[in-house]
Amino acid sequence: MAEFNSEESANIFEERYQKVAPPALPEANSLTMIRTGPTSVMSVALYPDLETANNTLEARKDMLEEFLHTVKDLWHMEGAVSLHHVNS
């Protein structure tokens, strides 16, 4: 989850993340970004297991590095997925 300093910063991040995240995190089973407000986004990445998720920490950190100066607040959460339903 990230809270940006401005709506413009959130817009730039959202556009860039859509292009950069999939190739940067090929181990992820699923990548989802939710625009939770004008200046905030929530990114959800699902990995096959905790080890795989932990192995991508450096790539995720590198990916966010260019935006740190535009972020008001940034936090990370993790846990087991209890439901991942996708309608087909």
PDB file of N, CA and C in Angstrom:
ATOM      1  N   MET A   1       0.859  -1.170   0.000  1.00  0.00           N
ATOM      2  CA  MET A   1       0.000   0.000   0.000  1.00  0.00           C
ATOM      3  C   MET A   1       0.900   1.226   0.000  1.00  0.00           C
ATOM      4  N   ALA A   2       0.530   2.204  -0.798  1.00  0.00           N
ATOM      5  CA  ALA A   2       1.328   3.424  -0.888  1.00  0.00           C
ATOM      6  C   ALA A   2       0.419   4.644  -0.920  1.00  0.00           C
ATOM      7  N   GLU A   3       0.839   5.654  -0.202  1.00  0.00           N
ATOM      8  CA  GLU A   3       0.187   6.964  -0.214  1.00  0.00           C
ATOM      9  C   GLU A   3       1.204   7.933  -0.800  1.00  0.00           C
ATOM     10  N   PHE A   4       0.821   8.596  -1.889  1.00  0.00           N
ATOM     11  CA  PHE A   4       1.730   9.491  -2.584  1.00  0.00           C
ATOM     12  C   PHE A   4       1.517  10.937  -2.163  1.00  0.00           C
ATOM     13  N   ASN A   5       2.504  11.771  -2.458  1.00  0.00           N
ATOM     14  CA  ASN A   5       2.434  13.188  -2.112  1.00  0.00           C
ATOM     15  C   ASN A   5       1.401  13.938  -2.941  1.00  0.00           C
ATOM     16  N   SER A   6       1.078  13.406  -4.111  1.00  0.00           N
ATOM     17  CA  SER A   6       0.121  14.088  -4.981  1.00  0.00           C
ATOM     18  C   SER A   6      -0.573  13.075  -5.885  1.00  0.00           C
ATOM     19  N   GLU A   7      -1.676  13.502  -6.455  1.00  0.00           N
ATOM     20  CA  GLU A   7      -2.396  12.662  -7.407  1.00  0.00           C
ATOM     21  C   GLU A   7      -1.539  12.418  -8.652  1.00  0.00           C
ATOM     22  N   GLU A   8      -0.805  13.431  -9.062  1.00  0.00           N
ATOM     23  CA  GLU A   8       0.070  13.283 -10.224  1.00  0.00           C
ATOM     24  C   GLU A   8       1.121  12.199  -9.984  1.00  0.00           C
ATOM     25  N   SER A   9       1.707  12.184  -8.798  1.00  0.00           N
ATOM     26  CA  SER A   9       2.698  11.149  -8.466  1.00  0.00           C
ATOM     27  C   SER A   9       2.077   9.761  -8.482  1.00  0.00           C
ATOM     28  N   ALA A  10       0.873   9.644  -7.968  1.00  0.00           N
ATOM     29  CA  ALA A  10       0.172   8.354  -7.981  1.00  0.00           C
ATOM     30  C   ALA A  10      -0.125   7.922  -9.412  1.00  0.00           C
ATOM     31  N   ASN A  11      -0.517   8.868 -10.256  1.00  0.00           N
ATOM     32  CA  ASN A  11      -0.793   8.557 -11.666  1.00  0.00           C
ATOM     33  C   ASN A  11       0.457   8.036 -12.375  1.00  0.00           C
ATOM     34  N   ILE A  12       1.573   8.702 -12.136  1.00  0.00           N
ATOM     35  CA  ILE A  12       2.833   8.304 -12.762  1.00  0.00           C
ATOM     36  C   ILE A  12       3.237   6.914 -12.283  1.00  0.00           C
ATOM     37  N   PHE A  13       3.124   6.689 -10.979  1.00  0.00           N
ATOM     38  CA  PHE A  13       3.463   5.374 -10.436  1.00  0.00           C
ATOM     39  C   PHE A  13       2.576   4.293 -11.034  1.00  0.00           C
ATOM     40  N   GLU A  14       1.280   4.545 -11.083  1.00  0.00           N
ATOM     41  CA  GLU A  14       0.332   3.560 -11.598  1.00  0.00           C
ATOM     42  C   GLU A  14       0.676   3.176 -13.045  1.00  0.00           C
ATOM     43  N   GLU A  15       0.943   4.163 -13.864  1.00  0.00           N
ATOM     44  CA  GLU A  15       1.279   3.904 -15.265  1.00  0.00           C
ATOM     45  C   GLU A  15       2.598   3.132 -15.379  1.00  0.00           C
ATOM     46  N   ARG A  16       3.577   3.534 -14.618  1.00  0.00           N
ATOM     47  CA  ARG A  16       4.898   2.886 -14.678  1.00  0.00           C
ATOM     48  C   ARG A  16       4.837   1.458 -14.134  1.00  0.00           C
ATOM     49  N   TYR A  17       4.130   1.251 -13.036  1.00  0.00           N
ATOM     50  CA  TYR A  17       4.027  -0.072 -12.419  1.00  0.00           C
ATOM     51  C   TYR A  17       3.395  -1.077 -13.380  1.00  0.00           C
ATOM     52  N   GLN A  18       2.407  -0.644 -14.134  1.00  0.00           N
ATOM     53  CA  GLN A  18       1.745  -1.533 -15.093  1.00  0.00           C
ATOM     54  C   GLN A  18       2.725  -2.065 -16.134  1.00  0.00           C
ATOM     55  N   LYS A  19       3.722  -1.270 -16.478  1.00  0.00           N
ATOM     56  CA  LYS A  19       4.709  -1.683 -17.476  1.00  0.00           C
ATOM     57  C   LYS A  19       5.871  -2.458 -16.856  1.00  0.00           C
ATOM     58  N   VAL A  20       6.312  -2.042 -15.692  1.00  0.00           N
ATOM     59  CA  VAL A  20       7.535  -2.565 -15.088  1.00  0.00           C
ATOM     60  C   VAL A  20       7.312  -3.821 -14.249  1.00  0.00           C
ATOM     61  N   ALA A  21       6.215  -3.896 -13.523  1.00  0.00           N
ATOM     62  CA  ALA A  21       6.016  -4.993 -12.568  1.00  0.00           C
ATOM     63  C   ALA A  21       5.974  -6.380 -13.207  1.00  0.00           C
ATOM     64  N   PRO A  22       5.203  -6.612 -14.258  1.00  0.00           N
ATOM     65  CA  PRO A  22       5.152  -7.978 -14.800  1.00  0.00           C
ATOM     66  C   PRO A  22       6.519  -8.548 -15.208  1.00  0.00           C
ATOM     67  N   PRO A  23       7.345  -7.807 -15.955  1.00  0.00           N
ATOM     68  CA  PRO A  23       8.655  -8.387 -16.278  1.00  0.00           C
ATOM     69  C   PRO A  23       9.616  -8.426 -15.087  1.00  0.00           C
ATOM     70  N   ALA A  24       9.448  -7.515 -14.128  1.00  0.00           N
ATOM     71  CA  ALA A  24      10.340  -7.488 -12.962  1.00  0.00           C
ATOM     72  C   ALA A  24      10.019  -8.586 -11.957  1.00  0.00           C
ATOM     73  N   LEU A  25       8.770  -9.054 -11.959  1.00  0.00           N
ATOM     74  CA  LEU A  25       8.328 -10.052 -10.984  1.00  0.00           C
ATOM     75  C   LEU A  25       7.721 -11.265 -11.690  1.00  0.00           C
ATOM     76  N   PRO A  26       8.483 -11.948 -12.536  1.00  0.00           N
ATOM     77  CA  PRO A  26       7.922 -13.072 -13.285  1.00  0.00           C
ATOM     78  C   PRO A  26       7.528 -14.256 -12.406  1.00  0.00           C
ATOM     79  N   GLU A  27       8.039 -14.302 -11.185  1.00  0.00           N
ATOM     80  CA  GLU A  27       7.712 -15.403 -10.274  1.00  0.00           C
ATOM     81  C   GLU A  27       6.304 -15.290  -9.694  1.00  0.00           C
ATOM     82  N   ALA A  28       5.712 -14.109  -9.776  1.00  0.00           N
ATOM     83  CA  ALA A  28       4.373 -13.902  -9.212  1.00  0.00           C
ATOM     84  C   ALA A  28       3.325 -14.644 -10.034  1.00  0.00           C
ATOM     85  N   ASN A  29       2.410 -15.294  -9.340  1.00  0.00           N
ATOM     86  CA  ASN A  29       1.276 -15.931 -10.014  1.00  0.00           C
ATOM     87  C   ASN A  29       0.269 -14.890 -10.475  1.00  0.00           C
ATOM     88  N   SER A  30       0.197 -13.788  -9.728  1.00  0.00           N
ATOM     89  CA  SER A  30      -0.807 -12.769  -9.995  1.00  0.00           C
ATOM     90  C   SER A  30      -0.306 -11.428  -9.475  1.00  0.00           C
ATOM     91  N   LEU A  31      -0.543 -10.377 -10.241  1.00  0.00           N
ATOM     92  CA  LEU A  31      -0.248  -9.006  -9.826  1.00  0.00           C
ATOM     93  C   LEU A  31      -1.513  -8.187 -10.019  1.00  0.00           C
ATOM     94  N   THR A  32      -1.944  -7.509  -8.977  1.00  0.00           N
ATOM     95  CA  THR A  32      -3.146  -6.683  -9.036  1.00  0.00           C
ATOM     96  C   THR A  32      -2.850  -5.337  -8.393  1.00  0.00           C
ATOM     97  N   MET A  33      -3.254  -4.261  -9.044  1.00  0.00           N
ATOM     98  CA  MET A  33      -3.140  -2.942  -8.440  1.00  0.00           C
ATOM     99  C   MET A  33      -4.531  -2.348  -8.329  1.00  0.00           C
ATOM    100  N   ILE A  34      -4.826  -1.801  -7.169  1.00  0.00           N
ATOM    101  CA  ILE A  34      -6.128  -1.197  -6.897  1.00  0.00           C
ATOM    102  C   ILE A  34      -5.893   0.263  -6.541  1.00  0.00           C
ATOM    103  N   ARG A  35      -6.547   1.150  -7.246  1.00  0.00           N
ATOM    104  CA  ARG A  35      -6.454   2.577  -6.940  1.00  0.00           C
ATOM    105  C   ARG A  35      -7.460   2.848  -5.832  1.00  0.00           C
ATOM    106  N   THR A  36      -6.970   3.023  -4.626  1.00  0.00           N
ATOM    107  CA  THR A  36      -7.843   3.165  -3.459  1.00  0.00           C
ATOM    108  C   THR A  36      -8.259   4.600  -3.192  1.00  0.00           C
ATOM    109  N   GLY A  37      -7.659   5.544  -3.879  1.00  0.00           N
ATOM    110  CA  GLY A  37      -8.013   6.947  -3.733  1.00  0.00           C
ATOM    111  C   GLY A  37      -7.189   7.772  -4.700  1.00  0.00           C
ATOM    112  N   PRO A  38      -7.396   9.071  -4.755  1.00  0.00           N
ATOM    113  CA  PRO A  38      -6.665   9.912  -5.701  1.00  0.00           C
ATOM    114  C   PRO A  38      -5.147   9.841  -5.526  1.00  0.00           C
ATOM    115  N   THR A  39      -4.696   9.640  -4.289  1.00  0.00           N
ATOM    116  CA  THR A  39      -3.254   9.627  -4.030  1.00  0.00           C
ATOM    117  C   THR A  39      -2.763   8.301  -3.455  1.00  0.00           C
ATOM    118  N   SER A  40      -3.569   7.245  -3.557  1.00  0.00           N
ATOM    119  CA  SER A  40      -3.147   5.978  -2.950  1.00  0.00           C
ATOM    120  C   SER A  40      -3.422   4.783  -3.856  1.00  0.00           C
ATOM    121  N   VAL A  41      -2.556   3.770  -3.712  1.00  0.00           N
ATOM    122  CA  VAL A  41      -2.706   2.521  -4.452  1.00  0.00           C
ATOM    123  C   VAL A  41      -2.405   1.354  -3.521  1.00  0.00           C
ATOM    124  N   MET A  42      -3.013   0.234  -3.835  1.00  0.00           N
ATOM    125  CA  MET A  42      -2.705  -1.009  -3.142  1.00  0.00           C
ATOM    126  C   MET A  42      -2.293  -2.015  -4.207  1.00  0.00           C
ATOM    127  N   SER A  43      -1.147  -2.614  -4.001  1.00  0.00           N
ATOM    128  CA  SER A  43      -0.641  -3.618  -4.928  1.00  0.00           C
ATOM    129  C   SER A  43      -0.665  -4.962  -4.225  1.00  0.00           C
ATOM    130  N   VAL A  44      -1.237  -5.964  -4.885  1.00  0.00           N
ATOM    131  CA  VAL A  44      -1.313  -7.316  -4.331  1.00  0.00           C
ATOM    132  C   VAL A  44      -0.592  -8.251  -5.294  1.00  0.00           C
ATOM    133  N   ALA A  45       0.419  -8.927  -4.783  1.00  0.00           N
ATOM    134  CA  ALA A  45       1.159  -9.909  -5.571  1.00  0.00           C
ATOM    135  C   ALA A  45       1.000 -11.263  -4.902  1.00  0.00           C
ATOM    136  N   LEU A  46       0.606 -12.257  -5.678  1.00  0.00           N
ATOM    137  CA  LEU A  46       0.463 -13.616  -5.160  1.00  0.00           C
ATOM    138  C   LEU A  46       1.605 -14.464  -5.700  1.00  0.00           C
ATOM    139  N   TYR A  47       2.272 -15.153  -4.786  1.00  0.00           N
ATOM    140  CA  TYR A  47       3.405 -16.011  -5.127  1.00  0.00           C
ATOM    141  C   TYR A  47       3.079 -17.449  -4.769  1.00  0.00           C
ATOM    142  N   PRO A  48       3.745 -18.407  -5.409  1.00  0.00           N
ATOM    143  CA  PRO A  48       3.447 -19.816  -5.144  1.00  0.00           C
ATOM    144  C   PRO A  48       3.740 -20.235  -3.706  1.00  0.00           C
ATOM    145  N   ASP A  49       4.714 -19.560  -3.071  1.00  0.00           N
ATOM    146  CA  ASP A  49       5.065 -19.899  -1.691  1.00  0.00           C
ATOM    147  C   ASP A  49       5.868 -18.750  -1.081  1.00  0.00           C
ATOM    148  N   LEU A  50       6.073 -18.823   0.226  1.00  0.00           N
ATOM    149  CA  LEU A  50       6.771 -17.761   0.952  1.00  0.00           C
ATOM    150  C   LEU A  50       8.221 -17.623   0.489  1.00  0.00           C
ATOM    151  N   GLU A  51       8.863 -18.728   0.211  1.00  0.00           N
ATOM    152  CA  GLU A  51      10.256 -18.678  -0.241  1.00  0.00           C
ATOM    153  C   GLU A  51      10.379 -17.880  -1.540  1.00  0.00           C
ATOM    154  N   THR A  52       9.491 -18.127  -2.471  1.00  0.00           N
ATOM    155  CA  THR A  52       9.506 -17.390  -3.739  1.00  0.00           C
ATOM    156  C   THR A  52       9.254 -15.906  -3.491  1.00  0.00           C
ATOM    157  N   ALA A  53       8.293 -15.599  -2.649  1.00  0.00           N
ATOM    158  CA  ALA A  53       8.002 -14.196  -2.324  1.00  0.00           C
ATOM    159  C   ALA A  53       9.229 -13.524  -1.711  1.00  0.00           C
ATOM    160  N   ASN A  54       9.874 -14.204  -0.777  1.00  0.00           N
ATOM    161  CA  ASN A  54      11.063 -13.642  -0.131  1.00  0.00           C
ATOM    162  C   ASN A  54      12.203 -13.445  -1.122  1.00  0.00           C
ATOM    163  N   ASN A  55      12.312 -14.321  -2.090  1.00  0.00           N
ATOM    164  CA  ASN A  55      13.377 -14.209  -3.089  1.00  0.00           C
ATOM    165  C   ASN A  55      13.182 -13.024  -4.028  1.00  0.00           C
ATOM    166  N   THR A  56      11.996 -12.451  -4.056  1.00  0.00           N
ATOM    167  CA  THR A  56      11.733 -11.302  -4.930  1.00  0.00           C
ATOM    168  C   THR A  56      11.831  -9.968  -4.198  1.00  0.00           C
ATOM    169  N   LEU A  57      12.136  -9.987  -2.917  1.00  0.00           N
ATOM    170  CA  LEU A  57      12.174  -8.742  -2.137  1.00  0.00           C
ATOM    171  C   LEU A  57      13.121  -7.705  -2.743  1.00  0.00           C
ATOM    172  N   GLU A  58      14.290  -8.121  -3.164  1.00  0.00           N
ATOM    173  CA  GLU A  58      15.253  -7.181  -3.733  1.00  0.00           C
ATOM    174  C   GLU A  58      14.726  -6.573  -5.034  1.00  0.00           C
ATOM    175  N   ALA A  59      14.122  -7.380  -5.877  1.00  0.00           N
ATOM    176  CA  ALA A  59      13.552  -6.867  -7.134  1.00  0.00           C
ATOM    177  C   ALA A  59      12.428  -5.876  -6.851  1.00  0.00           C
ATOM    178  N   ARG A  60      11.605  -6.176  -5.847  1.00  0.00           N
ATOM    179  CA  ARG A  60      10.510  -5.261  -5.501  1.00  0.00           C
ATOM    180  C   ARG A  60      11.060  -3.953  -4.962  1.00  0.00           C
ATOM    181  N   LYS A  61      12.093  -4.045  -4.120  1.00  0.00           N
ATOM    182  CA  LYS A  61      12.716  -2.841  -3.568  1.00  0.00           C
ATOM    183  C   LYS A  61      13.303  -1.981  -4.688  1.00  0.00           C
ATOM    184  N   ASP A  62      14.020  -2.616  -5.609  1.00  0.00           N
ATOM    185  CA  ASP A  62      14.611  -1.882  -6.734  1.00  0.00           C
ATOM    186  C   ASP A  62      13.544  -1.206  -7.587  1.00  0.00           C
ATOM    187  N   MET A  63      12.436  -1.888  -7.791  1.00  0.00           N
ATOM    188  CA  MET A  63      11.357  -1.364  -8.610  1.00  0.00           C
ATOM    189  C   MET A  63      10.749  -0.100  -7.980  1.00  0.00           C
ATOM    190  N   LEU A  64      10.678  -0.051  -6.660  1.00  0.00           N
ATOM    191  CA  LEU A  64      10.067   1.084  -5.965  1.00  0.00           C
ATOM    192  C   LEU A  64      11.037   2.235  -5.735  1.00  0.00           C
ATOM    193  N   GLU A  65      12.317   1.972  -5.866  1.00  0.00           N
ATOM    194  CA  GLU A  65      13.353   2.954  -5.540  1.00  0.00           C
ATOM    195  C   GLU A  65      13.136   4.304  -6.220  1.00  0.00           C
ATOM    196  N   GLU A  66      12.783   4.304  -7.498  1.00  0.00           N
ATOM    197  CA  GLU A  66      12.647   5.563  -8.232  1.00  0.00           C
ATOM    198  C   GLU A  66      11.472   6.418  -7.755  1.00  0.00           C
ATOM    199  N   PHE A  67      10.571   5.849  -6.965  1.00  0.00           N
ATOM    200  CA  PHE A  67       9.377   6.577  -6.528  1.00  0.00           C
ATOM    201  C   PHE A  67       9.422   7.022  -5.072  1.00  0.00           C
ATOM    202  N   LEU A  68      10.455   6.627  -4.336  1.00  0.00           N
ATOM    203  CA  LEU A  68      10.479   6.900  -2.899  1.00  0.00           C
ATOM    204  C   LEU A  68      10.364   8.386  -2.573  1.00  0.00           C
ATOM    205  N   HIS A  69      10.892   9.249  -3.413  1.00  0.00           N
ATOM    206  CA  HIS A  69      10.808  10.686  -3.156  1.00  0.00           C
ATOM    207  C   HIS A  69       9.386  11.231  -3.347  1.00  0.00           C
ATOM    208  N   THR A  70       8.493  10.452  -3.960  1.00  0.00           N
ATOM    209  CA  THR A  70       7.118  10.902  -4.185  1.00  0.00           C
ATOM    210  C   THR A  70       6.123  10.247  -3.228  1.00  0.00           C
ATOM    211  N   VAL A  71       6.644   9.396  -2.338  1.00  0.00           N
ATOM    212  CA  VAL A  71       5.779   8.620  -1.448  1.00  0.00           C
ATOM    213  C   VAL A  71       5.709   9.263  -0.070  1.00  0.00           C
ATOM    214  N   LYS A  72       4.490   9.465   0.392  1.00  0.00           N
ATOM    215  CA  LYS A  72       4.259   9.971   1.740  1.00  0.00           C
ATOM    216  C   LYS A  72       4.343   8.833   2.755  1.00  0.00           C
ATOM    217  N   ASP A  73       3.775   7.682   2.407  1.00  0.00           N
ATOM    218  CA  ASP A  73       3.762   6.521   3.296  1.00  0.00           C
ATOM    219  C   ASP A  73       3.743   5.255   2.446  1.00  0.00           C
ATOM    220  N   LEU A  74       4.487   4.257   2.870  1.00  0.00           N
ATOM    221  CA  LEU A  74       4.587   2.996   2.144  1.00  0.00           C
ATOM    222  C   LEU A  74       4.676   1.880   3.163  1.00  0.00           C
ATOM    223  N   TRP A  75       3.812   0.885   3.023  1.00  0.00           N
ATOM    224  CA  TRP A  75       3.900  -0.240   3.946  1.00  0.00           C
ATOM    225  C   TRP A  75       3.629  -1.546   3.238  1.00  0.00           C
ATOM    226  N   HIS A  76       4.163  -2.592   3.833  1.00  0.00           N
ATOM    227  CA  HIS A  76       4.151  -3.931   3.250  1.00  0.00           C
ATOM    228  C   HIS A  76       3.444  -4.868   4.223  1.00  0.00           C
ATOM    229  N   MET A  77       2.607  -5.718   3.694  1.00  0.00           N
ATOM    230  CA  MET A  77       1.930  -6.726   4.506  1.00  0.00           C
ATOM    231  C   MET A  77       2.057  -8.058   3.789  1.00  0.00           C
ATOM    232  N   GLU A  78       2.011  -9.139   4.549  1.00  0.00           N
ATOM    233  CA  GLU A  78       2.024 -10.458   3.924  1.00  0.00           C
ATOM    234  C   GLU A  78       1.184 -11.414   4.742  1.00  0.00           C
ATOM    235  N   GLY A  79       0.725 -12.450   4.100  1.00  0.00           N
ATOM    236  CA  GLY A  79      -0.077 -13.452   4.781  1.00  0.00           C
ATOM    237  C   GLY A  79      -0.518 -14.526   3.811  1.00  0.00           C
ATOM    238  N   ALA A  80      -1.112 -15.547   4.364  1.00  0.00           N
ATOM    239  CA  ALA A  80      -1.599 -16.657   3.550  1.00  0.00           C
ATOM    240  C   ALA A  80      -2.877 -16.247   2.824  1.00  0.00           C
ATOM    241  N   VAL A  81      -3.021 -16.680   1.599  1.00  0.00           N
ATOM    242  CA  VAL A  81      -4.220 -16.403   0.806  1.00  0.00           C
ATOM    243  C   VAL A  81      -5.281 -17.428   1.181  1.00  0.00           C
ATOM    244  N   SER A  82      -6.420 -16.949   1.651  1.00  0.00           N
ATOM    245  CA  SER A  82      -7.503 -17.865   2.024  1.00  0.00           C
ATOM    246  C   SER A  82      -8.554 -17.988   0.920  1.00  0.00           C
ATOM    247  N   LEU A  83      -8.571 -17.035  -0.023  1.00  0.00           N
ATOM    248  CA  LEU A  83      -9.474 -17.120  -1.168  1.00  0.00           C
ATOM    249  C   LEU A  83      -8.852 -16.377  -2.340  1.00  0.00           C
ATOM    250  N   HIS A  84      -8.800 -17.024  -3.467  1.00  0.00           N
ATOM    251  CA  HIS A  84      -8.367 -16.392  -4.710  1.00  0.00           C
ATOM    252  C   HIS A  84      -9.262 -16.947  -5.815  1.00  0.00           C
ATOM    253  N   HIS A  85     -10.427 -16.372  -5.931  1.00  0.00           N
ATOM    254  CA  HIS A  85     -11.420 -16.823  -6.902  1.00  0.00           C
ATOM    255  C   HIS A  85     -11.406 -15.878  -8.097  1.00  0.00           C
ATOM    256  N   VAL A  86     -11.355 -16.438  -9.279  1.00  0.00           N
ATOM    257  CA  VAL A  86     -11.420 -15.651 -10.506  1.00  0.00           C
ATOM    258  C   VAL A  86     -12.534 -16.233 -11.358  1.00  0.00           C
ATOM    259  N   ASN A  87     -13.512 -15.416 -11.689  1.00  0.00           N
ATOM    260  CA  ASN A  87     -14.584 -15.873 -12.585  1.00  0.00           C
ATOM    261  C   ASN A  87     -14.030 -16.030 -13.987  1.00  0.00           C
ATOM    262  N   SER A  88     -14.447 -17.076 -14.646  1.00  0.00           N
ATOM    263  CA  SER A  88     -13.959 -17.265 -16.015  1.00  0.00           C
ATOM    264  C   SER A  88     -15.088 -17.155 -17.012  1.00  0.00           C
TER     265      SER A  88
END
